[in-house]
Amino acid sequence: MSDFLSPEHISLKVCGVTTVADAEQLVQLGVEALGVNFWPKSKRYLDPAQANFLKGLAGKIIRVGVFVNADKALPERLLSEGYLDYVQFHGDEDSSYCHYFAERDLPYFRAVGIKDESSISGLDLPKCKAILLDAHAPGVYGGTGLTCDWEIIEKVHAHYPDLPIILAGGITVDNVSDARKLAHIIALDVASGAESAPGIKDFDKVKRLL
């Protein structure tokens, strides 16, 4: 699992997985990580009651649960019961929320919608495993297909030199070659750029991304 966050190579995380078949195909293709969206308003929402298949993927692919302003009990339970390897906070969670998980050694990523440098200054991220940069999309919380300002990556690294950076937002087969050349990036996170429809993966696109 540590390979996903290794600076030695660029990993791929395919987010917004909603079906067992898609998850298993990602494993077969050797995709390093998948994301499952547990925000009920998402076009890629997966009901936690339908997420049992994630347990069977343990050790085969990194499993990341995406949450937006969720009650802490849900991500905590899904981690402790073996559904997930990491939780990703993609909403307006404050520092006390992150401290709750840090104090319990529960592994989390923090997603940040990038508007300008003020979006990333002064973040309190105790024991955070990685910061995920996404396009600024108030009220939507990712999955828009919009690209964030890639020039901000150098500034993020300057602010948080020890924190792995995952890049999301508008990554497609057309710009992935440029994205993977960016300094300080350890992984690319793709949702709409790997789909035929929201929540349905297009494996021709996934193969081209790989």
N, C-alpha and C. Protein backbone atom coordinates (compact mmCIF):
# COMPACT_ATOMS: atom_id res chain seq x y z
N MET A 1 0.82 -1.21 0.00
CA MET A 1 0.00 0.00 0.00
C MET A 1 0.85 1.26 0.00
N SER A 2 2.08 1.16 0.54
CA SER A 2 2.92 2.35 0.60
C SER A 2 3.33 2.82 -0.79
N ASP A 3 3.32 1.92 -1.78
CA ASP A 3 3.74 2.29 -3.13
C ASP A 3 2.87 3.40 -3.72
N PHE A 4 1.60 3.45 -3.33
CA PHE A 4 0.70 4.46 -3.88
C PHE A 4 1.20 5.87 -3.58
N LEU A 5 1.76 6.08 -2.41
CA LEU A 5 2.22 7.40 -2.00
C LEU A 5 3.73 7.58 -2.19
N SER A 6 4.35 6.67 -2.92
CA SER A 6 5.78 6.76 -3.15
C SER A 6 6.11 7.87 -4.14
N PRO A 7 7.13 8.66 -3.86
CA PRO A 7 7.55 9.69 -4.81
C PRO A 7 8.34 9.13 -5.99
N GLU A 8 8.57 7.82 -5.98
CA GLU A 8 9.39 7.21 -7.00
C GLU A 8 8.67 7.07 -8.35
N HIS A 9 7.35 7.11 -8.33
CA HIS A 9 6.60 7.01 -9.59
C HIS A 9 5.25 7.69 -9.42
N ILE A 10 4.58 7.96 -10.53
CA ILE A 10 3.26 8.58 -10.52
C ILE A 10 2.20 7.47 -10.51
N SER A 11 1.35 7.47 -9.49
CA SER A 11 0.28 6.49 -9.39
C SER A 11 -1.01 7.04 -10.00
N LEU A 12 -1.93 6.14 -10.30
CA LEU A 12 -3.24 6.53 -10.81
C LEU A 12 -4.32 6.12 -9.81
N LYS A 13 -5.19 7.06 -9.50
CA LYS A 13 -6.36 6.79 -8.66
C LYS A 13 -7.60 7.09 -9.51
N VAL A 14 -8.43 6.09 -9.71
CA VAL A 14 -9.67 6.27 -10.46
C VAL A 14 -10.80 6.42 -9.45
N CYS A 15 -11.43 7.57 -9.46
CA CYS A 15 -12.42 7.89 -8.44
C CYS A 15 -13.84 7.78 -9.00
N GLY A 16 -14.80 7.64 -8.10
CA GLY A 16 -16.20 7.57 -8.49
C GLY A 16 -16.64 6.20 -8.91
N VAL A 17 -15.99 5.15 -8.38
CA VAL A 17 -16.37 3.78 -8.71
C VAL A 17 -17.69 3.44 -8.02
N THR A 18 -18.60 2.83 -8.76
CA THR A 18 -19.93 2.52 -8.20
C THR A 18 -20.33 1.06 -8.36
N THR A 19 -19.55 0.28 -9.11
CA THR A 19 -19.95 -1.11 -9.35
C THR A 19 -18.81 -2.08 -9.03
N VAL A 20 -19.19 -3.29 -8.65
CA VAL A 20 -18.22 -4.34 -8.37
C VAL A 20 -17.40 -4.64 -9.62
N ALA A 21 -18.08 -4.75 -10.77
CA ALA A 21 -17.40 -5.10 -12.02
C ALA A 21 -16.32 -4.08 -12.37
N ASP A 22 -16.64 -2.79 -12.21
CA ASP A 22 -15.65 -1.76 -12.51
C ASP A 22 -14.46 -1.85 -11.56
N ALA A 23 -14.74 -2.07 -10.29
CA ALA A 23 -13.66 -2.18 -9.31
C ALA A 23 -12.74 -3.35 -9.64
N GLU A 24 -13.32 -4.48 -9.98
CA GLU A 24 -12.51 -5.66 -10.29
C GLU A 24 -11.69 -5.46 -11.56
N GLN A 25 -12.26 -4.75 -12.53
CA GLN A 25 -11.52 -4.47 -13.76
C GLN A 25 -10.34 -3.55 -13.50
N LEU A 26 -10.50 -2.59 -12.61
CA LEU A 26 -9.38 -1.71 -12.25
C LEU A 26 -8.25 -2.51 -11.62
N VAL A 27 -8.62 -3.48 -10.80
CA VAL A 27 -7.62 -4.35 -10.19
C VAL A 27 -6.87 -5.12 -11.28
N GLN A 28 -7.62 -5.69 -12.22
CA GLN A 28 -7.01 -6.48 -13.28
C GLN A 28 -6.05 -5.65 -14.13
N LEU A 29 -6.36 -4.38 -14.32
CA LEU A 29 -5.51 -3.52 -15.13
C LEU A 29 -4.29 -3.00 -14.37
N GLY A 30 -4.28 -3.21 -13.06
CA GLY A 30 -3.15 -2.76 -12.27
C GLY A 30 -3.22 -1.31 -11.83
N VAL A 31 -4.42 -0.73 -11.83
CA VAL A 31 -4.59 0.63 -11.30
C VAL A 31 -4.27 0.60 -9.80
N GLU A 32 -3.51 1.58 -9.34
CA GLU A 32 -3.03 1.54 -7.95
C GLU A 32 -4.12 1.81 -6.92
N ALA A 33 -5.09 2.67 -7.25
CA ALA A 33 -6.08 3.06 -6.24
C ALA A 33 -7.42 3.36 -6.88
N LEU A 34 -8.48 3.15 -6.11
CA LEU A 34 -9.82 3.55 -6.53
C LEU A 34 -10.45 4.40 -5.44
N GLY A 35 -11.35 5.26 -5.87
CA GLY A 35 -12.09 6.10 -4.94
C GLY A 35 -13.57 5.80 -5.02
N VAL A 36 -14.21 5.78 -3.87
CA VAL A 36 -15.66 5.55 -3.78
C VAL A 36 -16.27 6.75 -3.08
N ASN A 37 -17.30 7.32 -3.68
CA ASN A 37 -17.88 8.56 -3.17
C ASN A 37 -19.08 8.29 -2.28
N PHE A 38 -18.94 8.65 -1.02
CA PHE A 38 -20.02 8.43 -0.05
C PHE A 38 -20.78 9.72 0.26
N TRP A 39 -20.68 10.72 -0.62
CA TRP A 39 -21.47 11.95 -0.46
C TRP A 39 -22.79 11.77 -1.18
N PRO A 40 -23.91 11.78 -0.47
CA PRO A 40 -25.21 11.47 -1.09
C PRO A 40 -25.60 12.36 -2.27
N LYS A 41 -25.06 13.57 -2.35
CA LYS A 41 -25.42 14.47 -3.45
C LYS A 41 -24.56 14.28 -4.69
N SER A 42 -23.59 13.39 -4.61
CA SER A 42 -22.71 13.17 -5.75
C SER A 42 -23.40 12.37 -6.84
N LYS A 43 -23.04 12.67 -8.09
CA LYS A 43 -23.53 11.88 -9.23
C LYS A 43 -22.93 10.48 -9.20
N ARG A 44 -21.90 10.30 -8.40
CA ARG A 44 -21.20 9.01 -8.31
C ARG A 44 -21.38 8.39 -6.93
N TYR A 45 -22.46 8.72 -6.28
CA TYR A 45 -22.70 8.26 -4.90
C TYR A 45 -22.84 6.74 -4.82
N LEU A 46 -22.20 6.17 -3.81
CA LEU A 46 -22.39 4.77 -3.48
C LEU A 46 -22.91 4.69 -2.05
N ASP A 47 -24.05 4.06 -1.88
CA ASP A 47 -24.62 3.85 -0.55
C ASP A 47 -23.68 2.95 0.24
N PRO A 48 -23.27 3.34 1.44
CA PRO A 48 -22.39 2.46 2.23
C PRO A 48 -22.94 1.06 2.41
N ALA A 49 -24.26 0.92 2.38
CA ALA A 49 -24.86 -0.40 2.51
C ALA A 49 -24.56 -1.29 1.31
N GLN A 50 -24.14 -0.67 0.19
CA GLN A 50 -23.83 -1.41 -1.02
C GLN A 50 -22.31 -1.55 -1.23
N ALA A 51 -21.54 -1.26 -0.20
CA ALA A 51 -20.09 -1.19 -0.35
C ALA A 51 -19.35 -2.42 0.15
N ASN A 52 -20.08 -3.51 0.42
CA ASN A 52 -19.43 -4.70 0.96
C ASN A 52 -18.33 -5.24 0.05
N PHE A 53 -18.47 -5.03 -1.27
CA PHE A 53 -17.47 -5.55 -2.21
C PHE A 53 -16.08 -4.98 -1.95
N LEU A 54 -16.01 -3.82 -1.29
CA LEU A 54 -14.70 -3.22 -1.03
C LEU A 54 -13.84 -4.09 -0.12
N LYS A 55 -14.48 -4.83 0.78
CA LYS A 55 -13.71 -5.69 1.69
C LYS A 55 -12.92 -6.73 0.93
N GLY A 56 -13.50 -7.26 -0.13
CA GLY A 56 -12.83 -8.29 -0.92
C GLY A 56 -11.68 -7.77 -1.75
N LEU A 57 -11.52 -6.46 -1.82
CA LEU A 57 -10.44 -5.87 -2.59
C LEU A 57 -9.22 -5.53 -1.74
N ALA A 58 -9.31 -5.82 -0.46
CA ALA A 58 -8.22 -5.50 0.46
C ALA A 58 -6.92 -6.14 -0.01
N GLY A 59 -5.86 -5.34 -0.08
CA GLY A 59 -4.56 -5.84 -0.51
C GLY A 59 -4.37 -5.91 -2.01
N LYS A 60 -5.46 -5.71 -2.79
CA LYS A 60 -5.39 -5.78 -4.24
C LYS A 60 -5.29 -4.40 -4.89
N ILE A 61 -5.86 -3.41 -4.23
CA ILE A 61 -5.90 -2.04 -4.73
C ILE A 61 -6.14 -1.14 -3.53
N ILE A 62 -5.59 0.05 -3.54
CA ILE A 62 -5.83 1.00 -2.46
C ILE A 62 -7.27 1.50 -2.57
N ARG A 63 -7.99 1.44 -1.46
CA ARG A 63 -9.41 1.82 -1.42
C ARG A 63 -9.56 3.12 -0.64
N VAL A 64 -10.06 4.16 -1.32
CA VAL A 64 -10.21 5.47 -0.71
C VAL A 64 -11.69 5.84 -0.69
N GLY A 65 -12.17 6.19 0.48
CA GLY A 65 -13.56 6.65 0.62
C GLY A 65 -13.61 8.16 0.65
N VAL A 66 -14.43 8.74 -0.21
CA VAL A 66 -14.56 10.20 -0.31
C VAL A 66 -15.78 10.65 0.49
N PHE A 67 -15.57 11.63 1.37
CA PHE A 67 -16.64 12.12 2.24
C PHE A 67 -16.70 13.64 2.19
N VAL A 68 -17.91 14.17 2.29
CA VAL A 68 -18.12 15.60 2.30
C VAL A 68 -18.93 15.96 3.54
N ASN A 69 -18.25 16.57 4.52
CA ASN A 69 -18.92 17.04 5.74
C ASN A 69 -19.74 15.92 6.40
N ALA A 70 -19.20 14.72 6.39
CA ALA A 70 -19.91 13.58 6.96
C ALA A 70 -19.78 13.55 8.48
N ASP A 71 -20.75 12.96 9.13
CA ASP A 71 -20.59 12.65 10.54
C ASP A 71 -19.35 11.78 10.68
N LYS A 72 -18.48 12.10 11.63
CA LYS A 72 -17.20 11.39 11.76
C LYS A 72 -17.38 9.88 11.94
N ALA A 73 -18.51 9.48 12.44
CA ALA A 73 -18.72 8.05 12.73
C ALA A 73 -18.70 7.20 11.46
N LEU A 74 -19.15 7.76 10.32
CA LEU A 74 -19.21 6.95 9.09
C LEU A 74 -17.82 6.64 8.54
N PRO A 75 -16.97 7.62 8.26
CA PRO A 75 -15.63 7.26 7.79
C PRO A 75 -14.85 6.45 8.81
N GLU A 76 -15.03 6.74 10.08
CA GLU A 76 -14.33 5.98 11.12
C GLU A 76 -14.75 4.51 11.08
N ARG A 77 -16.04 4.26 10.93
CA ARG A 77 -16.54 2.88 10.90
C ARG A 77 -16.04 2.14 9.67
N LEU A 78 -16.09 2.79 8.51
CA LEU A 78 -15.69 2.10 7.28
C LEU A 78 -14.18 1.79 7.27
N LEU A 79 -13.39 2.62 7.93
CA LEU A 79 -11.98 2.31 8.10
C LEU A 79 -11.79 1.13 9.06
N SER A 80 -12.43 1.23 10.23
CA SER A 80 -12.20 0.23 11.27
C SER A 80 -12.74 -1.13 10.88
N GLU A 81 -13.77 -1.17 10.03
CA GLU A 81 -14.35 -2.44 9.63
C GLU A 81 -13.72 -3.02 8.36
N GLY A 82 -12.67 -2.37 7.85
CA GLY A 82 -11.91 -2.94 6.75
C GLY A 82 -12.44 -2.69 5.36
N TYR A 83 -13.31 -1.69 5.19
CA TYR A 83 -13.80 -1.34 3.86
C TYR A 83 -12.79 -0.48 3.10
N LEU A 84 -12.02 0.32 3.83
CA LEU A 84 -11.19 1.35 3.23
C LEU A 84 -9.77 1.32 3.78
N ASP A 85 -8.85 1.83 2.96
CA ASP A 85 -7.47 2.05 3.40
C ASP A 85 -7.24 3.49 3.83
N TYR A 86 -7.93 4.42 3.17
CA TYR A 86 -7.84 5.84 3.49
C TYR A 86 -9.22 6.46 3.37
N VAL A 87 -9.42 7.56 4.11
CA VAL A 87 -10.60 8.39 3.90
C VAL A 87 -10.11 9.74 3.36
N GLN A 88 -10.93 10.31 2.49
CA GLN A 88 -10.59 11.58 1.84
C GLN A 88 -11.65 12.60 2.19
N PHE A 89 -11.24 13.67 2.84
CA PHE A 89 -12.18 14.72 3.24
C PHE A 89 -12.23 15.77 2.15
N HIS A 90 -13.39 15.89 1.52
CA HIS A 90 -13.52 16.71 0.32
C HIS A 90 -14.48 17.88 0.52
N GLY A 91 -14.85 18.13 1.78
CA GLY A 91 -15.81 19.20 2.04
C GLY A 91 -15.20 20.37 2.78
N ASP A 92 -15.90 20.82 3.83
CA ASP A 92 -15.46 21.98 4.60
C ASP A 92 -15.01 21.57 6.00
N GLU A 93 -14.49 20.36 6.10
CA GLU A 93 -14.07 19.84 7.39
C GLU A 93 -12.99 20.75 8.00
N ASP A 94 -13.14 21.08 9.28
CA ASP A 94 -12.20 22.00 9.92
C ASP A 94 -11.05 21.23 10.59
N SER A 95 -10.17 21.97 11.24
CA SER A 95 -8.99 21.34 11.83
C SER A 95 -9.36 20.37 12.94
N SER A 96 -10.41 20.67 13.70
CA SER A 96 -10.80 19.75 14.77
C SER A 96 -11.25 18.41 14.21
N TYR A 97 -11.86 18.43 13.04
CA TYR A 97 -12.29 17.21 12.36
C TYR A 97 -11.05 16.37 12.00
N CYS A 98 -10.04 17.03 11.43
CA CYS A 98 -8.81 16.32 11.06
C CYS A 98 -8.08 15.81 12.30
N HIS A 99 -8.08 16.62 13.36
CA HIS A 99 -7.42 16.20 14.61
C HIS A 99 -8.08 14.95 15.18
N TYR A 100 -9.38 14.84 15.04
CA TYR A 100 -10.08 13.66 15.55
C TYR A 100 -9.51 12.39 14.93
N PHE A 101 -9.28 12.41 13.62
CA PHE A 101 -8.75 11.24 12.93
C PHE A 101 -7.26 11.06 13.22
N ALA A 102 -6.53 12.15 13.32
CA ALA A 102 -5.11 12.07 13.64
C ALA A 102 -4.87 11.45 15.02
N GLU A 103 -5.67 11.86 15.98
CA GLU A 103 -5.51 11.36 17.34
C GLU A 103 -5.78 9.86 17.44
N ARG A 104 -6.53 9.33 16.50
CA ARG A 104 -6.87 7.90 16.49
C ARG A 104 -6.05 7.13 15.46
N ASP A 105 -5.08 7.82 14.86
CA ASP A 105 -4.22 7.20 13.83
C ASP A 105 -5.04 6.61 12.69
N LEU A 106 -6.09 7.31 12.30
CA LEU A 106 -6.92 6.90 11.17
C LEU A 106 -6.43 7.66 9.93
N PRO A 107 -6.00 6.96 8.88
CA PRO A 107 -5.33 7.61 7.74
C PRO A 107 -6.29 8.40 6.85
N TYR A 108 -5.94 9.65 6.63
CA TYR A 108 -6.82 10.49 5.81
C TYR A 108 -6.02 11.34 4.82
N PHE A 109 -6.70 11.68 3.70
CA PHE A 109 -6.25 12.67 2.74
C PHE A 109 -7.11 13.92 2.92
N ARG A 110 -6.56 15.08 2.61
CA ARG A 110 -7.35 16.31 2.64
C ARG A 110 -7.41 16.88 1.24
N ALA A 111 -8.62 17.03 0.69
CA ALA A 111 -8.81 17.64 -0.62
C ALA A 111 -9.03 19.14 -0.45
N VAL A 112 -8.46 19.90 -1.36
CA VAL A 112 -8.59 21.36 -1.32
C VAL A 112 -8.95 21.86 -2.70
N GLY A 113 -10.04 22.61 -2.78
CA GLY A 113 -10.41 23.27 -4.03
C GLY A 113 -9.57 24.52 -4.20
N ILE A 114 -8.80 24.59 -5.27
CA ILE A 114 -7.83 25.66 -5.45
C ILE A 114 -8.44 26.85 -6.18
N LYS A 115 -8.55 27.96 -5.46
CA LYS A 115 -8.96 29.22 -6.07
C LYS A 115 -7.73 30.09 -6.32
N ASP A 116 -6.91 30.23 -5.28
CA ASP A 116 -5.63 30.93 -5.37
C ASP A 116 -4.79 30.46 -4.20
N GLU A 117 -3.67 31.12 -3.97
CA GLU A 117 -2.75 30.65 -2.92
C GLU A 117 -3.39 30.67 -1.54
N SER A 118 -4.36 31.55 -1.33
CA SER A 118 -5.01 31.60 -0.02
C SER A 118 -5.75 30.30 0.31
N SER A 119 -6.06 29.52 -0.74
CA SER A 119 -6.77 28.25 -0.53
C SER A 119 -5.92 27.24 0.23
N ILE A 120 -4.61 27.40 0.16
CA ILE A 120 -3.74 26.38 0.76
C ILE A 120 -2.87 26.91 1.89
N SER A 121 -3.00 28.18 2.24
CA SER A 121 -2.17 28.73 3.31
C SER A 121 -2.83 28.48 4.66
N GLY A 122 -2.02 28.12 5.63
CA GLY A 122 -2.50 27.98 7.00
C GLY A 122 -3.34 26.76 7.28
N LEU A 123 -3.26 25.73 6.47
CA LEU A 123 -4.03 24.52 6.73
C LEU A 123 -3.44 23.76 7.90
N ASP A 124 -4.29 23.26 8.76
CA ASP A 124 -3.87 22.47 9.92
C ASP A 124 -4.20 21.01 9.61
N LEU A 125 -3.17 20.24 9.26
CA LEU A 125 -3.37 18.88 8.76
C LEU A 125 -2.52 17.87 9.54
N PRO A 126 -2.81 17.65 10.79
CA PRO A 126 -2.00 16.73 11.58
C PRO A 126 -2.06 15.30 11.06
N LYS A 127 -0.88 14.70 10.86
CA LYS A 127 -0.75 13.31 10.42
C LYS A 127 -1.45 13.03 9.09
N CYS A 128 -1.70 14.06 8.31
CA CYS A 128 -2.34 13.88 7.00
C CYS A 128 -1.41 13.08 6.09
N LYS A 129 -1.97 12.13 5.36
CA LYS A 129 -1.16 11.27 4.50
C LYS A 129 -0.88 11.90 3.14
N ALA A 130 -1.78 12.77 2.67
CA ALA A 130 -1.58 13.43 1.38
C ALA A 130 -2.58 14.56 1.24
N ILE A 131 -2.21 15.57 0.45
CA ILE A 131 -3.14 16.64 0.11
C ILE A 131 -3.52 16.47 -1.36
N LEU A 132 -4.82 16.57 -1.63
CA LEU A 132 -5.33 16.41 -2.99
C LEU A 132 -5.80 17.77 -3.49
N LEU A 133 -5.26 18.19 -4.61
CA LEU A 133 -5.60 19.49 -5.19
C LEU A 133 -6.65 19.31 -6.27
N ASP A 134 -7.73 20.07 -6.16
CA ASP A 134 -8.83 19.96 -7.12
C ASP A 134 -9.24 21.36 -7.55
N ALA A 135 -10.10 21.43 -8.55
CA ALA A 135 -10.60 22.72 -9.02
C ALA A 135 -11.54 23.33 -7.98
N HIS A 136 -11.55 24.65 -7.92
CA HIS A 136 -12.45 25.36 -7.01
C HIS A 136 -13.88 25.24 -7.52
N ALA A 137 -14.74 24.59 -6.75
CA ALA A 137 -16.12 24.37 -7.19
C ALA A 137 -17.04 24.39 -5.96
N PRO A 138 -17.34 25.57 -5.44
CA PRO A 138 -18.14 25.68 -4.21
C PRO A 138 -19.48 24.95 -4.33
N GLY A 139 -19.76 24.15 -3.33
CA GLY A 139 -21.04 23.44 -3.29
C GLY A 139 -21.09 22.18 -4.12
N VAL A 140 -20.07 21.96 -4.96
CA VAL A 140 -20.05 20.78 -5.83
C VAL A 140 -19.05 19.74 -5.30
N TYR A 141 -17.94 20.22 -4.75
CA TYR A 141 -16.95 19.36 -4.09
C TYR A 141 -16.37 18.30 -5.02
N GLY A 142 -15.85 18.76 -6.16
CA GLY A 142 -15.11 17.86 -7.04
C GLY A 142 -15.97 17.16 -8.07
N GLY A 143 -15.28 16.41 -8.96
CA GLY A 143 -15.98 15.66 -9.99
C GLY A 143 -16.57 16.51 -11.09
N THR A 144 -16.06 17.75 -11.23
CA THR A 144 -16.64 18.67 -12.21
C THR A 144 -16.00 18.54 -13.59
N GLY A 145 -14.80 17.97 -13.65
CA GLY A 145 -14.05 17.94 -14.90
C GLY A 145 -13.29 19.22 -15.16
N LEU A 146 -13.33 20.15 -14.21
CA LEU A 146 -12.60 21.40 -14.35
C LEU A 146 -11.16 21.21 -13.86
N THR A 147 -10.24 21.93 -14.48
CA THR A 147 -8.83 21.83 -14.13
C THR A 147 -8.45 22.95 -13.16
N CYS A 148 -7.69 22.60 -12.13
CA CYS A 148 -7.20 23.64 -11.23
C CYS A 148 -5.92 24.26 -11.81
N ASP A 149 -5.46 25.32 -11.20
CA ASP A 149 -4.26 26.01 -11.67
C ASP A 149 -3.03 25.19 -11.27
N TRP A 150 -2.41 24.55 -12.25
CA TRP A 150 -1.28 23.67 -11.94
C TRP A 150 -0.07 24.44 -11.41
N GLU A 151 -0.02 25.74 -11.66
CA GLU A 151 1.12 26.52 -11.17
C GLU A 151 1.13 26.61 -9.64
N ILE A 152 -0.01 26.31 -9.01
CA ILE A 152 -0.09 26.38 -7.55
C ILE A 152 0.70 25.25 -6.89
N ILE A 153 1.02 24.20 -7.65
CA ILE A 153 1.66 23.03 -7.06
C ILE A 153 2.98 23.39 -6.39
N GLU A 154 3.78 24.24 -7.02
CA GLU A 154 5.05 24.65 -6.43
C GLU A 154 4.83 25.35 -5.09
N LYS A 155 3.79 26.15 -5.01
CA LYS A 155 3.50 26.87 -3.77
C LYS A 155 2.99 25.91 -2.68
N VAL A 156 2.20 24.92 -3.08
CA VAL A 156 1.74 23.92 -2.11
C VAL A 156 2.93 23.18 -1.54
N HIS A 157 3.85 22.80 -2.41
CA HIS A 157 5.04 22.08 -1.96
C HIS A 157 5.88 22.95 -1.03
N ALA A 158 5.95 24.24 -1.31
CA ALA A 158 6.71 25.15 -0.45
C ALA A 158 6.07 25.27 0.93
N HIS A 159 4.74 25.29 0.97
CA HIS A 159 4.03 25.37 2.24
C HIS A 159 4.14 24.07 3.03
N TYR A 160 4.04 22.92 2.32
CA TYR A 160 3.96 21.62 2.97
C TYR A 160 4.95 20.66 2.30
N PRO A 161 6.26 20.87 2.49
CA PRO A 161 7.26 20.11 1.73
C PRO A 161 7.27 18.61 2.00
N ASP A 162 6.74 18.20 3.13
CA ASP A 162 6.75 16.77 3.47
C ASP A 162 5.44 16.06 3.15
N LEU A 163 4.49 16.79 2.58
CA LEU A 163 3.16 16.22 2.34
C LEU A 163 3.03 15.78 0.88
N PRO A 164 2.78 14.49 0.62
CA PRO A 164 2.56 14.04 -0.76
C PRO A 164 1.40 14.79 -1.41
N ILE A 165 1.53 15.09 -2.69
CA ILE A 165 0.50 15.85 -3.41
C ILE A 165 -0.13 14.97 -4.47
N ILE A 166 -1.46 14.88 -4.43
CA ILE A 166 -2.26 14.19 -5.44
C ILE A 166 -2.96 15.27 -6.27
N LEU A 167 -2.88 15.17 -7.57
CA LEU A 167 -3.52 16.16 -8.44
C LEU A 167 -4.81 15.60 -9.03
N ALA A 168 -5.90 16.35 -8.87
CA ALA A 168 -7.20 15.99 -9.43
C ALA A 168 -7.70 17.18 -10.26
N GLY A 169 -8.86 17.00 -10.86
CA GLY A 169 -9.49 18.10 -11.57
C GLY A 169 -9.19 18.14 -13.05
N GLY A 170 -10.10 17.60 -13.86
CA GLY A 170 -10.01 17.76 -15.30
C GLY A 170 -8.88 17.02 -15.98
N ILE A 171 -8.38 15.96 -15.34
CA ILE A 171 -7.32 15.17 -15.97
C ILE A 171 -7.95 14.17 -16.93
N THR A 172 -7.47 14.18 -18.17
CA THR A 172 -8.03 13.33 -19.23
C THR A 172 -6.89 12.68 -20.01
N VAL A 173 -7.26 11.84 -20.97
CA VAL A 173 -6.25 11.23 -21.83
C VAL A 173 -5.50 12.29 -22.64
N ASP A 174 -6.09 13.47 -22.81
CA ASP A 174 -5.46 14.51 -23.62
C ASP A 174 -4.39 15.29 -22.87
N ASN A 175 -4.51 15.39 -21.54
CA ASN A 175 -3.52 16.19 -20.80
C ASN A 175 -2.74 15.39 -19.76
N VAL A 176 -2.99 14.08 -19.68
CA VAL A 176 -2.33 13.28 -18.65
C VAL A 176 -0.81 13.26 -18.82
N SER A 177 -0.33 13.29 -20.05
CA SER A 177 1.12 13.28 -20.28
C SER A 177 1.77 14.54 -19.69
N ASP A 178 1.09 15.67 -19.82
CA ASP A 178 1.61 16.91 -19.24
C ASP A 178 1.51 16.87 -17.72
N ALA A 179 0.39 16.34 -17.22
CA ALA A 179 0.17 16.31 -15.76
C ALA A 179 1.21 15.47 -15.05
N ARG A 180 1.57 14.34 -15.65
CA ARG A 180 2.49 13.43 -14.97
C ARG A 180 3.92 13.97 -14.93
N LYS A 181 4.21 15.00 -15.71
CA LYS A 181 5.55 15.59 -15.73
C LYS A 181 5.71 16.70 -14.67
N LEU A 182 4.61 17.06 -14.01
CA LEU A 182 4.68 18.14 -13.03
C LEU A 182 5.51 17.71 -11.82
N ALA A 183 6.32 18.61 -11.33
CA ALA A 183 7.14 18.32 -10.16
C ALA A 183 6.27 18.18 -8.92
N HIS A 184 6.71 17.31 -8.02
CA HIS A 184 6.12 17.13 -6.68
C HIS A 184 4.83 16.33 -6.66
N ILE A 185 4.32 15.89 -7.80
CA ILE A 185 3.09 15.11 -7.84
C ILE A 185 3.43 13.63 -7.63
N ILE A 186 2.68 12.96 -6.74
CA ILE A 186 2.91 11.52 -6.56
C ILE A 186 1.78 10.68 -7.14
N ALA A 187 0.63 11.30 -7.43
CA ALA A 187 -0.49 10.56 -7.99
C ALA A 187 -1.44 11.49 -8.72
N LEU A 188 -2.13 10.92 -9.71
CA LEU A 188 -3.18 11.63 -10.44
C LEU A 188 -4.51 10.98 -10.13
N ASP A 189 -5.51 11.81 -9.87
CA ASP A 189 -6.84 11.35 -9.49
C ASP A 189 -7.81 11.71 -10.63
N VAL A 190 -8.44 10.70 -11.19
CA VAL A 190 -9.30 10.92 -12.36
C VAL A 190 -10.70 10.37 -12.08
N ALA A 191 -11.71 11.17 -12.36
CA ALA A 191 -13.10 10.72 -12.24
C ALA A 191 -13.77 10.81 -13.61
N SER A 192 -14.20 12.01 -14.00
CA SER A 192 -14.91 12.16 -15.28
C SER A 192 -14.03 11.79 -16.46
N GLY A 193 -12.71 11.97 -16.32
CA GLY A 193 -11.80 11.67 -17.42
C GLY A 193 -11.61 10.19 -17.69
N ALA A 194 -12.24 9.34 -16.85
CA ALA A 194 -12.15 7.89 -17.03
C ALA A 194 -13.53 7.26 -17.14
N GLU A 195 -14.50 8.06 -17.60
CA GLU A 195 -15.90 7.59 -17.60
C GLU A 195 -16.56 7.70 -18.97
N SER A 196 -17.59 6.89 -19.14
CA SER A 196 -18.51 7.05 -20.26
C SER A 196 -19.75 7.80 -19.79
N ALA A 197 -20.04 7.72 -18.50
CA ALA A 197 -21.14 8.44 -17.84
C ALA A 197 -20.77 8.50 -16.37
N PRO A 198 -21.36 9.43 -15.59
CA PRO A 198 -21.00 9.53 -14.18
C PRO A 198 -21.14 8.20 -13.44
N GLY A 199 -20.04 7.72 -12.89
CA GLY A 199 -20.06 6.48 -12.13
C GLY A 199 -19.84 5.23 -12.96
N ILE A 200 -19.77 5.36 -14.29
CA ILE A 200 -19.56 4.21 -15.18
C ILE A 200 -18.21 4.38 -15.88
N LYS A 201 -17.30 3.47 -15.62
CA LYS A 201 -15.95 3.64 -16.14
C LYS A 201 -15.83 3.23 -17.60
N ASP A 202 -14.99 3.97 -18.32
CA ASP A 202 -14.68 3.69 -19.72
C ASP A 202 -13.27 3.10 -19.71
N PHE A 203 -13.15 1.81 -19.93
CA PHE A 203 -11.85 1.16 -19.74
C PHE A 203 -10.88 1.40 -20.90
N ASP A 204 -11.37 1.86 -22.02
CA ASP A 204 -10.46 2.32 -23.06
C ASP A 204 -9.73 3.56 -22.55
N LYS A 205 -10.46 4.46 -21.92
CA LYS A 205 -9.84 5.67 -21.36
C LYS A 205 -8.88 5.30 -20.22
N VAL A 206 -9.29 4.36 -19.38
CA VAL A 206 -8.43 3.95 -18.27
C VAL A 206 -7.11 3.40 -18.78
N LYS A 207 -7.18 2.55 -19.79
CA LYS A 207 -5.96 1.98 -20.37
C LYS A 207 -5.07 3.05 -20.96
N ARG A 208 -5.68 4.04 -21.61
CA ARG A 208 -4.88 5.12 -22.19
C ARG A 208 -4.26 6.00 -21.11
N LEU A 209 -4.99 6.18 -20.01
CA LEU A 209 -4.43 6.92 -18.88
C LEU A 209 -3.23 6.19 -18.30
N LEU A 210 -3.36 4.89 -18.16
CA LEU A 210 -2.25 4.08 -17.64
C LEU A 210 -1.03 4.16 -18.57
